[in-house]
Amino acid sequence: MRCFEIVRAAIEEAGFSLGDAIRVRTLLTDVSRWQEAARAHGEWFGEIRPASTFVEVKGFIDPAWLVEIEIDCFRPD
């Protein structure tokens, strides 16, 4: 959940909202935990329904990190 709080703050700082999300990439170091990540994703994006990808990666710079979230936003003006 903390990852989504961090990206929401970054998105809002850029002048967007979660409702502007068109694509979410969730990178996991342990794909067997995808259901936990999917549950969290659903809590944040259940009504928005952006394109979504879950990918297993070997690791991140900090070995303690388990997940990274990337979000693309678009708002037609």
N, C-alpha and C. Protein backbone atom coordinates (compact mmCIF):
# COMPACT_ATOMS: atom_id res chain seq x y z
N MET A 1 0.81 -1.18 0.00
CA MET A 1 0.00 0.00 0.00
C MET A 1 0.86 1.25 0.00
N ARG A 2 1.99 1.19 0.66
CA ARG A 2 2.86 2.37 0.73
C ARG A 2 3.29 2.81 -0.66
N CYS A 3 3.55 1.86 -1.56
CA CYS A 3 3.94 2.21 -2.93
C CYS A 3 2.87 3.06 -3.60
N PHE A 4 1.61 2.69 -3.41
CA PHE A 4 0.53 3.45 -4.04
C PHE A 4 0.40 4.84 -3.41
N GLU A 5 0.67 4.96 -2.13
CA GLU A 5 0.65 6.28 -1.50
C GLU A 5 1.74 7.17 -2.09
N ILE A 6 2.91 6.59 -2.31
CA ILE A 6 4.04 7.34 -2.87
C ILE A 6 3.73 7.80 -4.30
N VAL A 7 3.23 6.87 -5.14
CA VAL A 7 2.95 7.26 -6.52
C VAL A 7 1.77 8.23 -6.60
N ARG A 8 0.79 8.09 -5.73
CA ARG A 8 -0.33 9.05 -5.74
C ARG A 8 0.20 10.45 -5.44
N ALA A 9 1.08 10.58 -4.46
CA ALA A 9 1.65 11.89 -4.13
C ALA A 9 2.43 12.45 -5.32
N ALA A 10 3.20 11.63 -6.00
CA ALA A 10 3.97 12.08 -7.16
C ALA A 10 3.05 12.50 -8.30
N ILE A 11 2.00 11.73 -8.53
CA ILE A 11 1.04 12.05 -9.59
C ILE A 11 0.35 13.38 -9.29
N GLU A 12 -0.07 13.56 -8.05
CA GLU A 12 -0.75 14.80 -7.67
C GLU A 12 0.20 15.99 -7.74
N GLU A 13 1.46 15.78 -7.39
CA GLU A 13 2.45 16.85 -7.48
C GLU A 13 2.64 17.29 -8.94
N ALA A 14 2.46 16.36 -9.88
CA ALA A 14 2.58 16.67 -11.31
C ALA A 14 1.29 17.25 -11.88
N GLY A 15 0.26 17.38 -11.06
CA GLY A 15 -0.98 17.98 -11.51
C GLY A 15 -2.03 17.01 -12.02
N PHE A 16 -1.83 15.72 -11.77
CA PHE A 16 -2.77 14.69 -12.19
C PHE A 16 -3.45 14.09 -10.97
N SER A 17 -4.32 13.12 -11.22
CA SER A 17 -4.95 12.35 -10.14
C SER A 17 -4.92 10.88 -10.54
N LEU A 18 -5.24 10.01 -9.60
CA LEU A 18 -5.27 8.57 -9.93
C LEU A 18 -6.27 8.30 -11.04
N GLY A 19 -7.31 9.10 -11.13
CA GLY A 19 -8.31 8.94 -12.20
C GLY A 19 -7.75 9.17 -13.59
N ASP A 20 -6.57 9.80 -13.68
CA ASP A 20 -5.92 10.04 -14.96
C ASP A 20 -5.00 8.89 -15.36
N ALA A 21 -4.89 7.87 -14.51
CA ALA A 21 -4.01 6.73 -14.80
C ALA A 21 -4.55 5.95 -15.99
N ILE A 22 -3.68 5.70 -16.97
CA ILE A 22 -4.08 4.90 -18.13
C ILE A 22 -3.34 3.56 -18.18
N ARG A 23 -2.22 3.46 -17.43
CA ARG A 23 -1.45 2.21 -17.41
C ARG A 23 -0.70 2.11 -16.09
N VAL A 24 -0.72 0.91 -15.50
CA VAL A 24 0.01 0.64 -14.26
C VAL A 24 0.87 -0.59 -14.48
N ARG A 25 2.15 -0.48 -14.13
CA ARG A 25 3.06 -1.62 -14.18
C ARG A 25 3.48 -1.93 -12.74
N THR A 26 3.29 -3.17 -12.35
CA THR A 26 3.68 -3.60 -11.01
C THR A 26 4.82 -4.59 -11.17
N LEU A 27 5.97 -4.25 -10.64
CA LEU A 27 7.14 -5.11 -10.72
C LEU A 27 7.35 -5.76 -9.36
N LEU A 28 7.41 -7.08 -9.36
CA LEU A 28 7.52 -7.85 -8.11
C LEU A 28 8.80 -8.69 -8.12
N THR A 29 9.45 -8.77 -6.98
CA THR A 29 10.61 -9.65 -6.88
C THR A 29 10.20 -11.08 -6.58
N ASP A 30 8.95 -11.29 -6.20
CA ASP A 30 8.42 -12.63 -5.91
C ASP A 30 7.02 -12.73 -6.49
N VAL A 31 6.93 -13.25 -7.71
CA VAL A 31 5.65 -13.29 -8.43
C VAL A 31 4.61 -14.17 -7.72
N SER A 32 5.05 -15.02 -6.82
CA SER A 32 4.09 -15.85 -6.09
C SER A 32 3.20 -15.00 -5.18
N ARG A 33 3.58 -13.74 -4.97
CA ARG A 33 2.79 -12.82 -4.14
C ARG A 33 1.90 -11.90 -4.99
N TRP A 34 1.67 -12.29 -6.25
CA TRP A 34 0.92 -11.43 -7.16
C TRP A 34 -0.50 -11.17 -6.67
N GLN A 35 -1.10 -12.11 -5.95
CA GLN A 35 -2.47 -11.90 -5.49
C GLN A 35 -2.54 -10.76 -4.47
N GLU A 36 -1.54 -10.64 -3.61
CA GLU A 36 -1.50 -9.52 -2.67
C GLU A 36 -1.39 -8.20 -3.42
N ALA A 37 -0.53 -8.18 -4.42
CA ALA A 37 -0.35 -6.96 -5.21
C ALA A 37 -1.62 -6.64 -6.00
N ALA A 38 -2.26 -7.65 -6.54
CA ALA A 38 -3.49 -7.44 -7.30
C ALA A 38 -4.61 -6.92 -6.39
N ARG A 39 -4.67 -7.41 -5.18
CA ARG A 39 -5.68 -6.94 -4.22
C ARG A 39 -5.47 -5.46 -3.92
N ALA A 40 -4.22 -5.07 -3.66
CA ALA A 40 -3.91 -3.66 -3.40
C ALA A 40 -4.23 -2.81 -4.63
N HIS A 41 -3.86 -3.31 -5.80
CA HIS A 41 -4.14 -2.60 -7.05
C HIS A 41 -5.65 -2.37 -7.18
N GLY A 42 -6.43 -3.39 -6.90
CA GLY A 42 -7.88 -3.27 -7.00
C GLY A 42 -8.46 -2.25 -6.04
N GLU A 43 -7.88 -2.16 -4.85
CA GLU A 43 -8.36 -1.18 -3.88
C GLU A 43 -8.12 0.25 -4.36
N TRP A 44 -7.02 0.47 -5.08
CA TRP A 44 -6.69 1.81 -5.55
C TRP A 44 -7.27 2.12 -6.92
N PHE A 45 -7.41 1.12 -7.78
CA PHE A 45 -7.79 1.36 -9.17
C PHE A 45 -9.04 0.60 -9.62
N GLY A 46 -9.78 0.01 -8.70
CA GLY A 46 -10.95 -0.78 -9.06
C GLY A 46 -11.96 -0.04 -9.92
N GLU A 47 -12.20 1.22 -9.62
CA GLU A 47 -13.16 2.02 -10.38
C GLU A 47 -12.54 2.64 -11.63
N ILE A 48 -11.23 2.79 -11.65
CA ILE A 48 -10.55 3.51 -12.74
C ILE A 48 -10.24 2.56 -13.90
N ARG A 49 -9.79 1.38 -13.59
CA ARG A 49 -9.51 0.31 -14.54
C ARG A 49 -8.50 0.65 -15.64
N PRO A 50 -7.29 1.12 -15.26
CA PRO A 50 -6.25 1.34 -16.28
C PRO A 50 -5.70 0.01 -16.78
N ALA A 51 -5.04 0.03 -17.92
CA ALA A 51 -4.32 -1.16 -18.38
C ALA A 51 -3.32 -1.52 -17.30
N SER A 52 -3.11 -2.81 -17.07
CA SER A 52 -2.28 -3.23 -15.95
C SER A 52 -1.42 -4.43 -16.32
N THR A 53 -0.17 -4.38 -15.86
CA THR A 53 0.77 -5.47 -16.08
C THR A 53 1.48 -5.79 -14.78
N PHE A 54 1.61 -7.08 -14.48
CA PHE A 54 2.40 -7.55 -13.34
C PHE A 54 3.59 -8.31 -13.90
N VAL A 55 4.79 -7.96 -13.44
CA VAL A 55 6.02 -8.56 -13.97
C VAL A 55 6.92 -8.96 -12.82
N GLU A 56 7.55 -10.12 -12.94
CA GLU A 56 8.55 -10.51 -11.95
C GLU A 56 9.92 -10.03 -12.41
N VAL A 57 10.66 -9.43 -11.48
CA VAL A 57 12.02 -8.96 -11.76
C VAL A 57 12.98 -9.66 -10.79
N LYS A 58 14.23 -9.71 -11.16
CA LYS A 58 15.23 -10.37 -10.32
C LYS A 58 15.45 -9.63 -9.01
N GLY A 59 15.44 -8.32 -9.06
CA GLY A 59 15.66 -7.54 -7.85
C GLY A 59 15.74 -6.06 -8.16
N PHE A 60 15.83 -5.28 -7.09
CA PHE A 60 15.97 -3.83 -7.20
C PHE A 60 17.30 -3.42 -6.57
N ILE A 61 17.64 -2.16 -6.67
CA ILE A 61 18.89 -1.65 -6.12
C ILE A 61 19.00 -1.97 -4.64
N ASP A 62 17.89 -1.75 -3.92
CA ASP A 62 17.85 -2.09 -2.49
C ASP A 62 17.20 -3.47 -2.37
N PRO A 63 17.92 -4.47 -1.91
CA PRO A 63 17.38 -5.83 -1.82
C PRO A 63 16.15 -5.95 -0.92
N ALA A 64 15.91 -4.97 -0.05
CA ALA A 64 14.74 -5.01 0.83
C ALA A 64 13.46 -4.65 0.08
N TRP A 65 13.58 -4.00 -1.07
CA TRP A 65 12.39 -3.63 -1.83
C TRP A 65 11.79 -4.87 -2.47
N LEU A 66 10.49 -5.00 -2.38
CA LEU A 66 9.78 -6.16 -2.93
C LEU A 66 8.94 -5.81 -4.16
N VAL A 67 8.56 -4.54 -4.28
CA VAL A 67 7.65 -4.13 -5.35
C VAL A 67 7.97 -2.71 -5.80
N GLU A 68 7.75 -2.47 -7.07
CA GLU A 68 7.84 -1.12 -7.62
C GLU A 68 6.62 -0.91 -8.49
N ILE A 69 6.06 0.30 -8.44
CA ILE A 69 4.88 0.63 -9.20
C ILE A 69 5.23 1.76 -10.18
N GLU A 70 4.87 1.58 -11.45
CA GLU A 70 5.03 2.62 -12.46
C GLU A 70 3.64 2.96 -12.99
N ILE A 71 3.31 4.23 -13.07
CA ILE A 71 1.99 4.64 -13.54
C ILE A 71 2.14 5.70 -14.61
N ASP A 72 1.44 5.51 -15.74
CA ASP A 72 1.37 6.52 -16.80
C ASP A 72 0.01 7.18 -16.69
N CYS A 73 0.01 8.51 -16.78
CA CYS A 73 -1.23 9.28 -16.70
C CYS A 73 -1.43 10.09 -17.97
N PHE A 74 -2.68 10.34 -18.29
CA PHE A 74 -3.03 11.15 -19.43
C PHE A 74 -4.36 11.84 -19.15
N ARG A 75 -4.43 13.10 -19.50
CA ARG A 75 -5.67 13.82 -19.38
C ARG A 75 -5.86 14.62 -20.65
N PRO A 76 -6.85 14.26 -21.46
CA PRO A 76 -7.08 15.06 -22.68
C PRO A 76 -7.58 16.45 -22.29
N ASP A 77 -6.93 17.46 -22.77
CA ASP A 77 -7.34 18.82 -22.45
C ASP A 77 -8.02 19.48 -23.62
